[in-house]
Amino acid sequence: MATTIKTSSKNYFNKIQKYLYNKRVFFTPSLDLGGYALTIFDLSEVETTSLLNKMTKHFHLSPKKQEPLALAA
């Protein structure tokens, strides 16, 4: 299963990319029409949900700042 996280913030893109690299998660960075995207591979739905919840806590994202997670498809 593949999941894509998109954000318009270069800062969040770099932070998420570094976080995923440190967690040894296989992903591919890309640019997507004025935004940045990270496609995560080889995770089940449960693992993906767990990872997104951990990222929310790690980056101290409030509901207004959850753009990268809200755009995860």
C-alpha atoms as a PDB file:
ATOM      1  CA  MET A   1       0.000   0.000   0.000  1.00  0.00           C
ATOM      2  CA  ALA A   2       1.279   3.475  -0.868  1.00  0.00           C
ATOM      3  CA  THR A   3       0.403   6.681   0.970  1.00  0.00           C
ATOM      4  CA  THR A   4       1.147  10.202  -0.222  1.00  0.00           C
ATOM      5  CA  ILE A   5       1.681  13.107   2.152  1.00  0.00           C
ATOM      6  CA  LYS A   6       1.453  16.525   0.493  1.00  0.00           C
ATOM      7  CA  THR A   7       2.312  19.935   1.887  1.00  0.00           C
ATOM      8  CA  SER A   8       2.897  23.424   0.538  1.00  0.00           C
ATOM      9  CA  SER A   9       5.526  24.138   3.205  1.00  0.00           C
ATOM     10  CA  LYS A  10       9.162  23.456   2.328  1.00  0.00           C
ATOM     11  CA  ASN A  11       9.941  23.471   6.059  1.00  0.00           C
ATOM     12  CA  TYR A  12       7.417  20.707   6.859  1.00  0.00           C
ATOM     13  CA  PHE A  13       8.549  18.780   3.786  1.00  0.00           C
ATOM     14  CA  ASN A  14      12.153  18.743   5.021  1.00  0.00           C
ATOM     15  CA  LYS A  15      11.144  17.851   8.592  1.00  0.00           C
ATOM     16  CA  ILE A  16       8.871  15.007   7.484  1.00  0.00           C
ATOM     17  CA  GLN A  17      11.511  13.724   5.070  1.00  0.00           C
ATOM     18  CA  LYS A  18      14.137  13.651   7.838  1.00  0.00           C
ATOM     19  CA  TYR A  19      11.678  12.008  10.266  1.00  0.00           C
ATOM     20  CA  LEU A  20      10.803   9.246   7.789  1.00  0.00           C
ATOM     21  CA  TYR A  21      14.475   8.675   6.966  1.00  0.00           C
ATOM     22  CA  ASN A  22      15.312   8.289  10.669  1.00  0.00           C
ATOM     23  CA  LYS A  23      12.414   5.826  11.084  1.00  0.00           C
ATOM     24  CA  ARG A  24      13.806   3.777   8.160  1.00  0.00           C
ATOM     25  CA  VAL A  25      10.577   4.153   6.173  1.00  0.00           C
ATOM     26  CA  PHE A  26      10.872   3.700   2.393  1.00  0.00           C
ATOM     27  CA  PHE A  27       9.590   6.840   0.625  1.00  0.00           C
ATOM     28  CA  THR A  28      10.015   8.879  -2.555  1.00  0.00           C
ATOM     29  CA  PRO A  29      10.058  12.713  -2.448  1.00  0.00           C
ATOM     30  CA  SER A  30       8.589  14.698  -5.356  1.00  0.00           C
ATOM     31  CA  LEU A  31       7.159  18.065  -6.371  1.00  0.00           C
ATOM     32  CA  ASP A  32       3.427  18.222  -7.067  1.00  0.00           C
ATOM     33  CA  LEU A  33       1.922  21.353  -8.672  1.00  0.00           C
ATOM     34  CA  GLY A  34       3.166  24.038  -6.318  1.00  0.00           C
ATOM     35  CA  GLY A  35       3.578  21.698  -3.382  1.00  0.00           C
ATOM     36  CA  TYR A  36       5.787  18.952  -2.093  1.00  0.00           C
ATOM     37  CA  ALA A  37       4.870  15.291  -1.841  1.00  0.00           C
ATOM     38  CA  LEU A  38       6.290  12.242  -0.091  1.00  0.00           C
ATOM     39  CA  THR A  39       5.035   8.840  -1.184  1.00  0.00           C
ATOM     40  CA  ILE A  40       5.444   6.157   1.483  1.00  0.00           C
ATOM     41  CA  PHE A  41       5.617   2.526   0.366  1.00  0.00           C
ATOM     42  CA  ASP A  42       5.314  -0.918   1.951  1.00  0.00           C
ATOM     43  CA  LEU A  43       3.216  -0.054   5.002  1.00  0.00           C
ATOM     44  CA  SER A  44      -0.099  -1.593   5.951  1.00  0.00           C
ATOM     45  CA  GLU A  45      -3.082   0.614   6.789  1.00  0.00           C
ATOM     46  CA  VAL A  46      -2.496   0.064  10.515  1.00  0.00           C
ATOM     47  CA  GLU A  47       1.216   0.947  10.228  1.00  0.00           C
ATOM     48  CA  THR A  48       0.381   4.053   8.184  1.00  0.00           C
ATOM     49  CA  THR A  49      -2.204   5.254  10.718  1.00  0.00           C
ATOM     50  CA  SER A  50       0.233   4.653  13.568  1.00  0.00           C
ATOM     51  CA  LEU A  51       3.009   6.523  11.744  1.00  0.00           C
ATOM     52  CA  LEU A  52       0.738   9.515  11.026  1.00  0.00           C
ATOM     53  CA  ASN A  53      -0.359   9.655  14.676  1.00  0.00           C
ATOM     54  CA  LYS A  54       3.273   9.572  15.830  1.00  0.00           C
ATOM     55  CA  MET A  55       4.147  12.344  13.363  1.00  0.00           C
ATOM     56  CA  THR A  56       1.278  14.477  14.706  1.00  0.00           C
ATOM     57  CA  LYS A  57       2.675  14.179  18.234  1.00  0.00           C
ATOM     58  CA  HIS A  58       6.315  14.548  17.145  1.00  0.00           C
ATOM     59  CA  PHE A  59       5.703  17.802  15.239  1.00  0.00           C
ATOM     60  CA  HIS A  60       3.196  19.135  17.835  1.00  0.00           C
ATOM     61  CA  LEU A  61       0.607  19.709  15.130  1.00  0.00           C
ATOM     62  CA  SER A  62      -2.586  21.406  16.223  1.00  0.00           C
ATOM     63  CA  PRO A  63      -5.760  20.845  14.154  1.00  0.00           C
ATOM     64  CA  LYS A  64      -4.959  23.990  12.133  1.00  0.00           C
ATOM     65  CA  LYS A  65      -1.424  22.768  11.382  1.00  0.00           C
ATOM     66  CA  GLN A  66      -2.314  19.256  10.296  1.00  0.00           C
ATOM     67  CA  GLU A  67      -2.117  20.094   6.591  1.00  0.00           C
ATOM     68  CA  PRO A  68       0.452  17.362   5.781  1.00  0.00           C
ATOM     69  CA  LEU A  69      -1.612  14.728   7.565  1.00  0.00           C
ATOM     70  CA  ALA A  70      -4.972  15.908   6.253  1.00  0.00           C
ATOM     71  CA  LEU A  71      -3.688  15.571   2.708  1.00  0.00           C
ATOM     72  CA  ALA A  72      -2.394  12.028   3.191  1.00  0.00           C
ATOM     73  CA  ALA A  73      -4.226   9.854   0.720  1.00  0.00           C
END
